[in-house]
Amino acid sequence: MRMTGGAAVSAAVVLSGLLLAGCEEVTSAVDQVDAASDKAAVCTEALQIIDLNPNVSPEEVAAEAEQKAKELRDLGNQVADQTVQDTLFDIADGYLELEERKLDHLNDFSGWLQENLNDLDRLRKACF
């Protein structure tokens, strides 16, 4: 059984369409995997930067606040996930707020710490 010229062209067009559709699905899947790995990398790095624990001294945190805020903002700009990005920006803002409070002798550090521990919990939930 031999195909005519028109039938062969039609078959080639159909096969090309199927291949292109398959390529789009593969590209989409690869993009999703890339986004997930980027999110995981950003989250891992952010959790290392934050490293809050209830026994941390106000002076230690305040001394590194500006640098941590900058690093968290940079990470937030690298991730596509909006929830992770918003949470990173909130935590960065918290560090900047602490930087401003340094001048005010770190009043209410425990309140600041609790708020940022809550933000850290939000980040963990958004990341994993």
PDB file of N, CA and C in Angstrom:
ATOM      1  N   MET A   1       0.838  -1.165   0.000  1.00  0.00           N
ATOM      2  CA  MET A   1       0.000   0.000   0.000  1.00  0.00           C
ATOM      3  C   MET A   1       0.890   1.237   0.000  1.00  0.00           C
ATOM      4  N   ARG A   2       0.739   1.978  -1.054  1.00  0.00           N
ATOM      5  CA  ARG A   2       1.559   3.155  -1.259  1.00  0.00           C
ATOM      6  C   ARG A   2       0.748   4.408  -1.005  1.00  0.00           C
ATOM      7  N   MET A   3       1.391   5.407  -0.356  1.00  0.00           N
ATOM      8  CA  MET A   3       0.705   6.680  -0.116  1.00  0.00           C
ATOM      9  C   MET A   3       0.903   7.596  -1.304  1.00  0.00           C
ATOM     10  N   THR A   4      -0.133   8.339  -1.572  1.00  0.00           N
ATOM     11  CA  THR A   4      -0.004   9.351  -2.614  1.00  0.00           C
ATOM     12  C   THR A   4       0.753  10.531  -2.039  1.00  0.00           C
ATOM     13  N   GLY A   5       1.174  11.433  -2.896  1.00  0.00           N
ATOM     14  CA  GLY A   5       1.931  12.605  -2.445  1.00  0.00           C
ATOM     15  C   GLY A   5       1.162  13.422  -1.428  1.00  0.00           C
ATOM     16  N   GLY A   6      -0.130  13.624  -1.652  1.00  0.00           N
ATOM     17  CA  GLY A   6      -0.954  14.416  -0.729  1.00  0.00           C
ATOM     18  C   GLY A   6      -1.109  13.724   0.612  1.00  0.00           C
ATOM     19  N   ALA A   7      -1.277  12.412   0.593  1.00  0.00           N
ATOM     20  CA  ALA A   7      -1.436  11.662   1.835  1.00  0.00           C
ATOM     21  C   ALA A   7      -0.140  11.681   2.642  1.00  0.00           C
ATOM     22  N   ALA A   8       0.980  11.592   1.952  1.00  0.00           N
ATOM     23  CA  ALA A   8       2.276  11.618   2.636  1.00  0.00           C
ATOM     24  C   ALA A   8       2.502  12.967   3.304  1.00  0.00           C
ATOM     25  N   VAL A   9       2.148  14.033   2.602  1.00  0.00           N
ATOM     26  CA  VAL A   9       2.297  15.371   3.177  1.00  0.00           C
ATOM     27  C   VAL A   9       1.383  15.524   4.381  1.00  0.00           C
ATOM     28  N   SER A  10       0.145  15.045   4.270  1.00  0.00           N
ATOM     29  CA  SER A  10      -0.802  15.127   5.392  1.00  0.00           C
ATOM     30  C   SER A  10      -0.278  14.353   6.594  1.00  0.00           C
ATOM     31  N   ALA A  11       0.244  13.176   6.349  1.00  0.00           N
ATOM     32  CA  ALA A  11       0.782  12.368   7.443  1.00  0.00           C
ATOM     33  C   ALA A  11       1.971  13.070   8.092  1.00  0.00           C
ATOM     34  N   ALA A  12       2.815  13.686   7.279  1.00  0.00           N
ATOM     35  CA  ALA A  12       3.974  14.403   7.814  1.00  0.00           C
ATOM     36  C   ALA A  12       3.535  15.588   8.666  1.00  0.00           C
ATOM     37  N   VAL A  13       2.503  16.292   8.230  1.00  0.00           N
ATOM     38  CA  VAL A  13       1.989  17.436   8.994  1.00  0.00           C
ATOM     39  C   VAL A  13       1.426  16.968  10.327  1.00  0.00           C
ATOM     40  N   VAL A  14       0.660  15.878  10.301  1.00  0.00           N
ATOM     41  CA  VAL A  14       0.081  15.341  11.542  1.00  0.00           C
ATOM     42  C   VAL A  14       1.193  14.901  12.494  1.00  0.00           C
ATOM     43  N   LEU A  15       2.178  14.195  11.982  1.00  0.00           N
ATOM     44  CA  LEU A  15       3.290  13.750  12.831  1.00  0.00           C
ATOM     45  C   LEU A  15       4.070  14.934  13.392  1.00  0.00           C
ATOM     46  N   SER A  16       4.281  15.946  12.576  1.00  0.00           N
ATOM     47  CA  SER A  16       4.980  17.143  13.055  1.00  0.00           C
ATOM     48  C   SER A  16       4.209  17.799  14.184  1.00  0.00           C
ATOM     49  N   GLY A  17       2.889  17.874  14.017  1.00  0.00           N
ATOM     50  CA  GLY A  17       2.047  18.458  15.067  1.00  0.00           C
ATOM     51  C   GLY A  17       2.143  17.673  16.356  1.00  0.00           C
ATOM     52  N   LEU A  18       2.120  16.357  16.241  1.00  0.00           N
ATOM     53  CA  LEU A  18       2.236  15.513  17.435  1.00  0.00           C
ATOM     54  C   LEU A  18       3.599  15.695  18.102  1.00  0.00           C
ATOM     55  N   LEU A  19       4.644  15.756  17.300  1.00  0.00           N
ATOM     56  CA  LEU A  19       5.980  15.955  17.864  1.00  0.00           C
ATOM     57  C   LEU A  19       6.096  17.305  18.556  1.00  0.00           C
ATOM     58  N   LEU A  20       5.549  18.349  17.928  1.00  0.00           N
ATOM     59  CA  LEU A  20       5.607  19.678  18.546  1.00  0.00           C
ATOM     60  C   LEU A  20       4.825  19.714  19.846  1.00  0.00           C
ATOM     61  N   ALA A  21       3.659  19.081  19.856  1.00  0.00           N
ATOM     62  CA  ALA A  21       2.863  19.039  21.089  1.00  0.00           C
ATOM     63  C   ALA A  21       3.645  18.311  22.175  1.00  0.00           C
ATOM     64  N   GLY A  22       4.301  17.221  21.807  1.00  0.00           N
ATOM     65  CA  GLY A  22       5.117  16.487  22.770  1.00  0.00           C
ATOM     66  C   GLY A  22       6.280  17.318  23.274  1.00  0.00           C
ATOM     67  N   CYS A  23       6.892  18.092  22.388  1.00  0.00           N
ATOM     68  CA  CYS A  23       8.011  18.959  22.790  1.00  0.00           C
ATOM     69  C   CYS A  23       7.549  20.034  23.763  1.00  0.00           C
ATOM     70  N   GLU A  24       6.370  20.592  23.513  1.00  0.00           N
ATOM     71  CA  GLU A  24       5.844  21.618  24.417  1.00  0.00           C
ATOM     72  C   GLU A  24       5.603  21.043  25.804  1.00  0.00           C
ATOM     73  N   GLU A  25       5.076  19.812  25.859  1.00  0.00           N
ATOM     74  CA  GLU A  25       4.845  19.175  27.156  1.00  0.00           C
ATOM     75  C   GLU A  25       6.164  18.917  27.873  1.00  0.00           C
ATOM     76  N   VAL A  26       7.147  18.464  27.139  1.00  0.00           N
ATOM     77  CA  VAL A  26       8.462  18.208  27.739  1.00  0.00           C
ATOM     78  C   VAL A  26       9.072  19.517  28.231  1.00  0.00           C
ATOM     79  N   THR A  27       8.987  20.567  27.412  1.00  0.00           N
ATOM     80  CA  THR A  27       9.524  21.869  27.806  1.00  0.00           C
ATOM     81  C   THR A  27       8.824  22.380  29.053  1.00  0.00           C
ATOM     82  N   SER A  28       7.511  22.223  29.102  1.00  0.00           N
ATOM     83  CA  SER A  28       6.749  22.658  30.274  1.00  0.00           C
ATOM     84  C   SER A  28       7.174  21.884  31.516  1.00  0.00           C
ATOM     85  N   ALA A  29       7.346  20.580  31.373  1.00  0.00           N
ATOM     86  CA  ALA A  29       7.767  19.756  32.511  1.00  0.00           C
ATOM     87  C   ALA A  29       9.163  20.158  32.980  1.00  0.00           C
ATOM     88  N   VAL A  30      10.061  20.413  32.040  1.00  0.00           N
ATOM     89  CA  VAL A  30      11.419  20.838  32.396  1.00  0.00           C
ATOM     90  C   VAL A  30      11.379  22.181  33.118  1.00  0.00           C
ATOM     91  N   ASP A  31      10.559  23.106  32.617  1.00  0.00           N
ATOM     92  CA  ASP A  31      10.427  24.412  33.270  1.00  0.00           C
ATOM     93  C   ASP A  31       9.917  24.267  34.699  1.00  0.00           C
ATOM     94  N   GLN A  32       8.956  23.357  34.903  1.00  0.00           N
ATOM     95  CA  GLN A  32       8.422  23.141  36.250  1.00  0.00           C
ATOM     96  C   GLN A  32       9.491  22.561  37.170  1.00  0.00           C
ATOM     97  N   VAL A  33      10.268  21.633  36.663  1.00  0.00           N
ATOM     98  CA  VAL A  33      11.347  21.045  37.468  1.00  0.00           C
ATOM     99  C   VAL A  33      12.391  22.108  37.795  1.00  0.00           C
ATOM    100  N   ASP A  34      12.744  22.936  36.803  1.00  0.00           N
ATOM    101  CA  ASP A  34      13.708  24.013  37.050  1.00  0.00           C
ATOM    102  C   ASP A  34      13.197  24.976  38.112  1.00  0.00           C
ATOM    103  N   ALA A  35      11.919  25.349  38.031  1.00  0.00           N
ATOM    104  CA  ALA A  35      11.338  26.269  39.013  1.00  0.00           C
ATOM    105  C   ALA A  35      11.358  25.649  40.402  1.00  0.00           C
ATOM    106  N   ALA A  36      11.045  24.357  40.486  1.00  0.00           N
ATOM    107  CA  ALA A  36      11.047  23.679  41.784  1.00  0.00           C
ATOM    108  C   ALA A  36      12.458  23.595  42.355  1.00  0.00           C
ATOM    109  N   SER A  37      13.443  23.316  41.499  1.00  0.00           N
ATOM    110  CA  SER A  37      14.812  23.230  42.017  1.00  0.00           C
ATOM    111  C   SER A  37      15.322  24.610  42.407  1.00  0.00           C
ATOM    112  N   ASP A  38      14.941  25.652  41.646  1.00  0.00           N
ATOM    113  CA  ASP A  38      15.309  27.017  42.025  1.00  0.00           C
ATOM    114  C   ASP A  38      14.684  27.375  43.366  1.00  0.00           C
ATOM    115  N   LYS A  39      13.418  27.035  43.540  1.00  0.00           N
ATOM    116  CA  LYS A  39      12.712  27.316  44.792  1.00  0.00           C
ATOM    117  C   LYS A  39      13.406  26.594  45.947  1.00  0.00           C
ATOM    118  N   ALA A  40      13.740  25.328  45.747  1.00  0.00           N
ATOM    119  CA  ALA A  40      14.401  24.555  46.801  1.00  0.00           C
ATOM    120  C   ALA A  40      15.755  25.160  47.157  1.00  0.00           C
ATOM    121  N   ALA A  41      16.510  25.563  46.144  1.00  0.00           N
ATOM    122  CA  ALA A  41      17.829  26.160  46.395  1.00  0.00           C
ATOM    123  C   ALA A  41      17.691  27.477  47.148  1.00  0.00           C
ATOM    124  N   VAL A  42      16.737  28.305  46.736  1.00  0.00           N
ATOM    125  CA  VAL A  42      16.516  29.592  47.403  1.00  0.00           C
ATOM    126  C   VAL A  42      16.080  29.367  48.842  1.00  0.00           C
ATOM    127  N   CYS A  43      15.162  28.439  49.044  1.00  0.00           N
ATOM    128  CA  CYS A  43      14.675  28.166  50.400  1.00  0.00           C
ATOM    129  C   CYS A  43      15.797  27.663  51.304  1.00  0.00           C
ATOM    130  N   THR A  44      16.599  26.761  50.793  1.00  0.00           N
ATOM    131  CA  THR A  44      17.710  26.233  51.584  1.00  0.00           C
ATOM    132  C   THR A  44      18.672  27.344  51.984  1.00  0.00           C
ATOM    133  N   GLU A  45      19.011  28.194  51.028  1.00  0.00           N
ATOM    134  CA  GLU A  45      19.929  29.294  51.322  1.00  0.00           C
ATOM    135  C   GLU A  45      19.308  30.284  52.304  1.00  0.00           C
ATOM    136  N   ALA A  46      18.023  30.574  52.122  1.00  0.00           N
ATOM    137  CA  ALA A  46      17.341  31.522  53.017  1.00  0.00           C
ATOM    138  C   ALA A  46      17.323  31.002  54.449  1.00  0.00           C
ATOM    139  N   LEU A  47      17.029  29.722  54.617  1.00  0.00           N
ATOM    140  CA  LEU A  47      16.985  29.155  55.964  1.00  0.00           C
ATOM    141  C   LEU A  47      18.362  29.198  56.624  1.00  0.00           C
ATOM    142  N   GLN A  48      19.416  29.078  55.846  1.00  0.00           N
ATOM    143  CA  GLN A  48      20.768  29.192  56.400  1.00  0.00           C
ATOM    144  C   GLN A  48      21.082  30.631  56.796  1.00  0.00           C
ATOM    145  N   ILE A  49      20.591  31.582  56.022  1.00  0.00           N
ATOM    146  CA  ILE A  49      20.832  32.998  56.329  1.00  0.00           C
ATOM    147  C   ILE A  49      20.103  33.394  57.604  1.00  0.00           C
ATOM    148  N   ILE A  50      18.852  32.974  57.714  1.00  0.00           N
ATOM    149  CA  ILE A  50      18.009  33.416  58.828  1.00  0.00           C
ATOM    150  C   ILE A  50      18.508  32.845  60.144  1.00  0.00           C
ATOM    151  N   ASP A  51      18.561  31.528  60.250  1.00  0.00           N
ATOM    152  CA  ASP A  51      19.145  30.856  61.408  1.00  0.00           C
ATOM    153  C   ASP A  51      18.768  31.506  62.739  1.00  0.00           C
ATOM    154  N   LEU A  52      17.462  31.708  62.954  1.00  0.00           N
ATOM    155  CA  LEU A  52      17.001  32.274  64.233  1.00  0.00           C
ATOM    156  C   LEU A  52      16.769  31.157  65.240  1.00  0.00           C
ATOM    157  N   ASN A  53      17.105  31.414  66.462  1.00  0.00           N
ATOM    158  CA  ASN A  53      16.724  30.515  67.540  1.00  0.00           C
ATOM    159  C   ASN A  53      16.416  31.382  68.755  1.00  0.00           C
ATOM    160  N   PRO A  54      15.588  30.891  69.651  1.00  0.00           N
ATOM    161  CA  PRO A  54      15.159  31.705  70.791  1.00  0.00           C
ATOM    162  C   PRO A  54      16.287  32.142  71.718  1.00  0.00           C
ATOM    163  N   ASN A  55      17.439  31.505  71.643  1.00  0.00           N
ATOM    164  CA  ASN A  55      18.550  31.844  72.534  1.00  0.00           C
ATOM    165  C   ASN A  55      19.535  32.846  71.931  1.00  0.00           C
ATOM    166  N   VAL A  56      19.222  33.367  70.753  1.00  0.00           N
ATOM    167  CA  VAL A  56      20.126  34.305  70.096  1.00  0.00           C
ATOM    168  C   VAL A  56      20.114  35.642  70.836  1.00  0.00           C
ATOM    169  N   SER A  57      21.258  36.286  70.886  1.00  0.00           N
ATOM    170  CA  SER A  57      21.315  37.578  71.580  1.00  0.00           C
ATOM    171  C   SER A  57      20.900  38.693  70.626  1.00  0.00           C
ATOM    172  N   PRO A  58      20.230  39.709  71.147  1.00  0.00           N
ATOM    173  CA  PRO A  58      19.811  40.841  70.310  1.00  0.00           C
ATOM    174  C   PRO A  58      20.989  41.499  69.599  1.00  0.00           C
ATOM    175  N   GLU A  59      22.110  41.578  70.274  1.00  0.00           N
ATOM    176  CA  GLU A  59      23.277  42.230  69.694  1.00  0.00           C
ATOM    177  C   GLU A  59      23.806  41.471  68.482  1.00  0.00           C
ATOM    178  N   GLU A  60      23.821  40.121  68.590  1.00  0.00           N
ATOM    179  CA  GLU A  60      24.289  39.300  67.470  1.00  0.00           C
ATOM    180  C   GLU A  60      23.409  39.496  66.242  1.00  0.00           C
ATOM    181  N   VAL A  61      22.105  39.442  66.449  1.00  0.00           N
ATOM    182  CA  VAL A  61      21.170  39.576  65.334  1.00  0.00           C
ATOM    183  C   VAL A  61      21.263  40.970  64.728  1.00  0.00           C
ATOM    184  N   ALA A  62      21.296  41.981  65.578  1.00  0.00           N
ATOM    185  CA  ALA A  62      21.333  43.362  65.094  1.00  0.00           C
ATOM    186  C   ALA A  62      22.608  43.654  64.311  1.00  0.00           C
ATOM    187  N   ALA A  63      23.715  43.044  64.726  1.00  0.00           N
ATOM    188  CA  ALA A  63      24.989  43.287  64.051  1.00  0.00           C
ATOM    189  C   ALA A  63      24.968  42.797  62.604  1.00  0.00           C
ATOM    190  N   GLU A  64      24.176  41.774  62.334  1.00  0.00           N
ATOM    191  CA  GLU A  64      24.128  41.194  60.988  1.00  0.00           C
ATOM    192  C   GLU A  64      22.848  41.548  60.239  1.00  0.00           C
ATOM    193  N   ALA A  65      21.990  42.368  60.823  1.00  0.00           N
ATOM    194  CA  ALA A  65      20.653  42.612  60.274  1.00  0.00           C
ATOM    195  C   ALA A  65      20.678  43.176  58.858  1.00  0.00           C
ATOM    196  N   GLU A  66      21.476  44.188  58.627  1.00  0.00           N
ATOM    197  CA  GLU A  66      21.486  44.833  57.309  1.00  0.00           C
ATOM    198  C   GLU A  66      21.959  43.868  56.220  1.00  0.00           C
ATOM    199  N   GLN A  67      23.012  43.117  56.505  1.00  0.00           N
ATOM    200  CA  GLN A  67      23.540  42.164  55.526  1.00  0.00           C
ATOM    201  C   GLN A  67      22.525  41.054  55.249  1.00  0.00           C
ATOM    202  N   LYS A  68      21.892  40.534  56.296  1.00  0.00           N
ATOM    203  CA  LYS A  68      20.902  39.475  56.106  1.00  0.00           C
ATOM    204  C   LYS A  68      19.713  39.984  55.298  1.00  0.00           C
ATOM    205  N   ALA A  69      19.276  41.204  55.565  1.00  0.00           N
ATOM    206  CA  ALA A  69      18.155  41.782  54.815  1.00  0.00           C
ATOM    207  C   ALA A  69      18.498  41.860  53.328  1.00  0.00           C
ATOM    208  N   LYS A  70      19.708  42.291  53.023  1.00  0.00           N
ATOM    209  CA  LYS A  70      20.134  42.399  51.620  1.00  0.00           C
ATOM    210  C   LYS A  70      20.161  41.023  50.959  1.00  0.00           C
ATOM    211  N   GLU A  71      20.724  40.037  51.634  1.00  0.00           N
ATOM    212  CA  GLU A  71      20.813  38.684  51.076  1.00  0.00           C
ATOM    213  C   GLU A  71      19.425  38.090  50.848  1.00  0.00           C
ATOM    214  N   LEU A  72      18.505  38.317  51.790  1.00  0.00           N
ATOM    215  CA  LEU A  72      17.154  37.780  51.648  1.00  0.00           C
ATOM    216  C   LEU A  72      16.407  38.457  50.500  1.00  0.00           C
ATOM    217  N   ARG A  73      16.592  39.754  50.336  1.00  0.00           N
ATOM    218  CA  ARG A  73      15.974  40.468  49.197  1.00  0.00           C
ATOM    219  C   ARG A  73      16.524  39.931  47.871  1.00  0.00           C
ATOM    220  N   ASP A  74      17.833  39.717  47.825  1.00  0.00           N
ATOM    221  CA  ASP A  74      18.442  39.169  46.609  1.00  0.00           C
ATOM    222  C   ASP A  74      17.848  37.795  46.284  1.00  0.00           C
ATOM    223  N   LEU A  75      17.690  36.959  47.296  1.00  0.00           N
ATOM    224  CA  LEU A  75      17.085  35.639  47.082  1.00  0.00           C
ATOM    225  C   LEU A  75      15.635  35.771  46.622  1.00  0.00           C
ATOM    226  N   GLY A  76      14.902  36.680  47.242  1.00  0.00           N
ATOM    227  CA  GLY A  76      13.511  36.890  46.852  1.00  0.00           C
ATOM    228  C   GLY A  76      13.382  37.277  45.391  1.00  0.00           C
ATOM    229  N   ASN A  77      14.341  38.018  44.897  1.00  0.00           N
ATOM    230  CA  ASN A  77      14.322  38.422  43.490  1.00  0.00           C
ATOM    231  C   ASN A  77      14.685  37.279  42.543  1.00  0.00           C
ATOM    232  N   GLN A  78      15.213  36.184  43.081  1.00  0.00           N
ATOM    233  CA  GLN A  78      15.616  35.045  42.247  1.00  0.00           C
ATOM    234  C   GLN A  78      14.540  33.977  42.112  1.00  0.00           C
ATOM    235  N   VAL A  79      13.538  33.997  42.970  1.00  0.00           N
ATOM    236  CA  VAL A  79      12.559  32.912  42.992  1.00  0.00           C
ATOM    237  C   VAL A  79      11.267  33.345  42.304  1.00  0.00           C
ATOM    238  N   ALA A  80      10.663  32.409  41.565  1.00  0.00           N
ATOM    239  CA  ALA A  80       9.426  32.714  40.847  1.00  0.00           C
ATOM    240  C   ALA A  80       8.194  32.542  41.736  1.00  0.00           C
ATOM    241  N   ASP A  81       8.282  31.699  42.751  1.00  0.00           N
ATOM    242  CA  ASP A  81       7.140  31.434  43.624  1.00  0.00           C
ATOM    243  C   ASP A  81       6.797  32.690  44.423  1.00  0.00           C
ATOM    244  N   GLN A  82       5.590  33.215  44.209  1.00  0.00           N
ATOM    245  CA  GLN A  82       5.194  34.488  44.814  1.00  0.00           C
ATOM    246  C   GLN A  82       5.116  34.407  46.336  1.00  0.00           C
ATOM    247  N   THR A  83       4.636  33.295  46.874  1.00  0.00           N
ATOM    248  CA  THR A  83       4.522  33.149  48.327  1.00  0.00           C
ATOM    249  C   THR A  83       5.901  33.161  48.978  1.00  0.00           C
ATOM    250  N   VAL A  84       6.826  32.429  48.398  1.00  0.00           N
ATOM    251  CA  VAL A  84       8.194  32.405  48.927  1.00  0.00           C
ATOM    252  C   VAL A  84       8.813  33.798  48.820  1.00  0.00           C
ATOM    253  N   GLN A  85       8.629  34.441  47.678  1.00  0.00           N
ATOM    254  CA  GLN A  85       9.191  35.779  47.475  1.00  0.00           C
ATOM    255  C   GLN A  85       8.637  36.770  48.498  1.00  0.00           C
ATOM    256  N   ASP A  86       7.312  36.786  48.676  1.00  0.00           N
ATOM    257  CA  ASP A  86       6.696  37.711  49.634  1.00  0.00           C
ATOM    258  C   ASP A  86       7.202  37.466  51.051  1.00  0.00           C
ATOM    259  N   THR A  87       7.325  36.200  51.420  1.00  0.00           N
ATOM    260  CA  THR A  87       7.793  35.868  52.766  1.00  0.00           C
ATOM    261  C   THR A  87       9.246  36.300  52.958  1.00  0.00           C
ATOM    262  N   LEU A  88      10.078  36.082  51.955  1.00  0.00           N
ATOM    263  CA  LEU A  88      11.475  36.527  52.053  1.00  0.00           C
ATOM    264  C   LEU A  88      11.558  38.039  52.199  1.00  0.00           C
ATOM    265  N   PHE A  89      10.730  38.759  51.458  1.00  0.00           N
ATOM    266  CA  PHE A  89      10.719  40.222  51.569  1.00  0.00           C
ATOM    267  C   PHE A  89      10.239  40.658  52.952  1.00  0.00           C
ATOM    268  N   ASP A  90       9.234  39.953  53.506  1.00  0.00           N
ATOM    269  CA  ASP A  90       8.748  40.280  54.854  1.00  0.00           C
ATOM    270  C   ASP A  90       9.849  40.077  55.893  1.00  0.00           C
ATOM    271  N   ILE A  91      10.573  38.978  55.771  1.00  0.00           N
ATOM    272  CA  ILE A  91      11.650  38.707  56.726  1.00  0.00           C
ATOM    273  C   ILE A  91      12.768  39.743  56.568  1.00  0.00           C
ATOM    274  N   ALA A  92      13.091  40.090  55.330  1.00  0.00           N
ATOM    275  CA  ALA A  92      14.106  41.128  55.087  1.00  0.00           C
ATOM    276  C   ALA A  92      13.671  42.446  55.717  1.00  0.00           C
ATOM    277  N   ASP A  93      12.393  42.791  55.570  1.00  0.00           N
ATOM    278  CA  ASP A  93      11.871  44.014  56.191  1.00  0.00           C
ATOM    279  C   ASP A  93      12.000  43.951  57.710  1.00  0.00           C
ATOM    280  N   GLY A  94      11.791  42.756  58.272  1.00  0.00           N
ATOM    281  CA  GLY A  94      11.942  42.587  59.713  1.00  0.00           C
ATOM    282  C   GLY A  94      13.369  42.857  60.168  1.00  0.00           C
ATOM    283  N   TYR A  95      14.331  42.392  59.384  1.00  0.00           N
ATOM    284  CA  TYR A  95      15.731  42.669  59.718  1.00  0.00           C
ATOM    285  C   TYR A  95      16.039  44.156  59.615  1.00  0.00           C
ATOM    286  N   LEU A  96      15.489  44.819  58.603  1.00  0.00           N
ATOM    287  CA  LEU A  96      15.708  46.264  58.477  1.00  0.00           C
ATOM    288  C   LEU A  96      15.072  47.014  59.641  1.00  0.00           C
ATOM    289  N   GLU A  97      13.915  46.529  60.073  1.00  0.00           N
ATOM    290  CA  GLU A  97      13.250  47.130  61.237  1.00  0.00           C
ATOM    291  C   GLU A  97      14.138  46.991  62.468  1.00  0.00           C
ATOM    292  N   LEU A  98      14.751  45.835  62.625  1.00  0.00           N
ATOM    293  CA  LEU A  98      15.660  45.627  63.757  1.00  0.00           C
ATOM    294  C   LEU A  98      16.866  46.557  63.646  1.00  0.00           C
ATOM    295  N   GLU A  99      17.368  46.734  62.441  1.00  0.00           N
ATOM    296  CA  GLU A  99      18.498  47.640  62.213  1.00  0.00           C
ATOM    297  C   GLU A  99      18.139  49.045  62.686  1.00  0.00           C
ATOM    298  N   GLU A 100      16.913  49.483  62.403  1.00  0.00           N
ATOM    299  CA  GLU A 100      16.461  50.803  62.851  1.00  0.00           C
ATOM    300  C   GLU A 100      16.327  50.851  64.369  1.00  0.00           C
ATOM    301  N   ARG A 101      15.896  49.747  64.959  1.00  0.00           N
ATOM    302  CA  ARG A 101      15.726  49.702  66.415  1.00  0.00           C
ATOM    303  C   ARG A 101      17.054  49.697  67.155  1.00  0.00           C
ATOM    304  N   LYS A 102      18.132  49.333  66.474  1.00  0.00           N
ATOM    305  CA  LYS A 102      19.441  49.342  67.128  1.00  0.00           C
ATOM    306  C   LYS A 102      19.690  50.695  67.765  1.00  0.00           C
ATOM    307  N   LEU A 103      19.258  51.708  67.081  1.00  0.00           N
ATOM    308  CA  LEU A 103      19.422  53.058  67.607  1.00  0.00           C
ATOM    309  C   LEU A 103      18.568  53.275  68.847  1.00  0.00           C
ATOM    310  N   ASP A 104      17.531  52.485  68.969  1.00  0.00           N
ATOM    311  CA  ASP A 104      16.590  52.619  70.076  1.00  0.00           C
ATOM    312  C   ASP A 104      16.888  51.581  71.165  1.00  0.00           C
ATOM    313  N   HIS A 105      18.121  51.119  71.211  1.00  0.00           N
ATOM    314  CA  HIS A 105      18.593  50.162  72.234  1.00  0.00           C
ATOM    315  C   HIS A 105      17.819  48.853  72.224  1.00  0.00           C
ATOM    316  N   LEU A 106      17.421  48.415  71.049  1.00  0.00           N
ATOM    317  CA  LEU A 106      16.794  47.103  70.871  1.00  0.00           C
ATOM    318  C   LEU A 106      15.585  46.881  71.770  1.00  0.00           C
ATOM    319  N   ASN A 107      14.744  47.880  71.863  1.00  0.00           N
ATOM    320  CA  ASN A 107      13.511  47.728  72.636  1.00  0.00           C
ATOM    321  C   ASN A 107      12.661  46.615  72.048  1.00  0.00           C
ATOM    322  N   ASP A 108      12.045  45.851  72.907  1.00  0.00           N
ATOM    323  CA  ASP A 108      11.118  44.782  72.533  1.00  0.00           C
ATOM    324  C   ASP A 108      11.729  43.781  71.548  1.00  0.00           C
ATOM    325  N   PHE A 109      12.935  43.332  71.822  1.00  0.00           N
ATOM    326  CA  PHE A 109      13.565  42.342  70.954  1.00  0.00           C
ATOM    327  C   PHE A 109      12.772  41.046  70.938  1.00  0.00           C
ATOM    328  N   SER A 110      12.209  40.659  72.072  1.00  0.00           N
ATOM    329  CA  SER A 110      11.457  39.400  72.105  1.00  0.00           C
ATOM    330  C   SER A 110      10.238  39.472  71.186  1.00  0.00           C
ATOM    331  N   GLY A 111       9.602  40.635  71.095  1.00  0.00           N
ATOM    332  CA  GLY A 111       8.483  40.804  70.163  1.00  0.00           C
ATOM    333  C   GLY A 111       8.945  40.682  68.721  1.00  0.00           C
ATOM    334  N   TRP A 112      10.086  41.301  68.424  1.00  0.00           N
ATOM    335  CA  TRP A 112      10.647  41.210  67.075  1.00  0.00           C
ATOM    336  C   TRP A 112      10.998  39.762  66.746  1.00  0.00           C
ATOM    337  N   LEU A 113      11.614  39.075  67.707  1.00  0.00           N
ATOM    338  CA  LEU A 113      12.015  37.693  67.495  1.00  0.00           C
ATOM    339  C   LEU A 113      10.801  36.809  67.238  1.00  0.00           C
ATOM    340  N   GLN A 114       9.738  36.983  68.020  1.00  0.00           N
ATOM    341  CA  GLN A 114       8.537  36.168  67.837  1.00  0.00           C
ATOM    342  C   GLN A 114       7.913  36.405  66.460  1.00  0.00           C
ATOM    343  N   GLU A 115       7.844  37.653  66.055  1.00  0.00           N
ATOM    344  CA  GLU A 115       7.281  37.982  64.737  1.00  0.00           C
ATOM    345  C   GLU A 115       8.097  37.326  63.623  1.00  0.00           C
ATOM    346  N   ASN A 116       9.406  37.359  63.756  1.00  0.00           N
ATOM    347  CA  ASN A 116      10.254  36.773  62.728  1.00  0.00           C
ATOM    348  C   ASN A 116      10.287  35.253  62.784  1.00  0.00           C
ATOM    349  N   LEU A 117      10.092  34.673  63.946  1.00  0.00           N
ATOM    350  CA  LEU A 117       9.940  33.218  64.021  1.00  0.00           C
ATOM    351  C   LEU A 117       8.653  32.793  63.316  1.00  0.00           C
ATOM    352  N   ASN A 118       7.596  33.597  63.443  1.00  0.00           N
ATOM    353  CA  ASN A 118       6.348  33.316  62.722  1.00  0.00           C
ATOM    354  C   ASN A 118       6.570  33.401  61.211  1.00  0.00           C
ATOM    355  N   ASP A 119       7.307  34.429  60.769  1.00  0.00           N
ATOM    356  CA  ASP A 119       7.626  34.557  59.343  1.00  0.00           C
ATOM    357  C   ASP A 119       8.481  33.387  58.863  1.00  0.00           C
ATOM    358  N   LEU A 120       9.396  32.938  59.699  1.00  0.00           N
ATOM    359  CA  LEU A 120      10.237  31.797  59.360  1.00  0.00           C
ATOM    360  C   LEU A 120       9.381  30.544  59.184  1.00  0.00           C
ATOM    361  N   ASP A 121       8.390  30.369  60.042  1.00  0.00           N
ATOM    362  CA  ASP A 121       7.473  29.242  59.917  1.00  0.00           C
ATOM    363  C   ASP A 121       6.690  29.333  58.603  1.00  0.00           C
ATOM    364  N   ARG A 122       6.247  30.540  58.240  1.00  0.00           N
ATOM    365  CA  ARG A 122       5.551  30.746  56.961  1.00  0.00           C
ATOM    366  C   ARG A 122       6.458  30.371  55.792  1.00  0.00           C
ATOM    367  N   LEU A 123       7.733  30.740  55.887  1.00  0.00           N
ATOM    368  CA  LEU A 123       8.680  30.415  54.821  1.00  0.00           C
ATOM    369  C   LEU A 123       8.848  28.903  54.702  1.00  0.00           C
ATOM    370  N   ARG A 124       8.997  28.233  55.815  1.00  0.00           N
ATOM    371  CA  ARG A 124       9.147  26.769  55.777  1.00  0.00           C
ATOM    372  C   ARG A 124       7.941  26.117  55.119  1.00  0.00           C
ATOM    373  N   LYS A 125       6.742  26.592  55.461  1.00  0.00           N
ATOM    374  CA  LYS A 125       5.524  26.033  54.858  1.00  0.00           C
ATOM    375  C   LYS A 125       5.462  26.331  53.364  1.00  0.00           C
ATOM    376  N   ALA A 126       5.862  27.525  52.961  1.00  0.00           N
ATOM    377  CA  ALA A 126       5.842  27.892  51.538  1.00  0.00           C
ATOM    378  C   ALA A 126       6.886  27.100  50.751  1.00  0.00           C
ATOM    379  N   CYS A 127       7.977  26.760  51.408  1.00  0.00           N
ATOM    380  CA  CYS A 127       9.069  26.066  50.725  1.00  0.00           C
ATOM    381  C   CYS A 127       8.840  24.567  50.596  1.00  0.00           C
ATOM    382  N   PHE A 128       8.191  23.978  51.564  1.00  0.00           N
ATOM    383  CA  PHE A 128       8.121  22.514  51.576  1.00  0.00           C
ATOM    384  C   PHE A 128       6.746  21.982  51.612  1.00  0.00           C
TER     385      PHE A 128
END
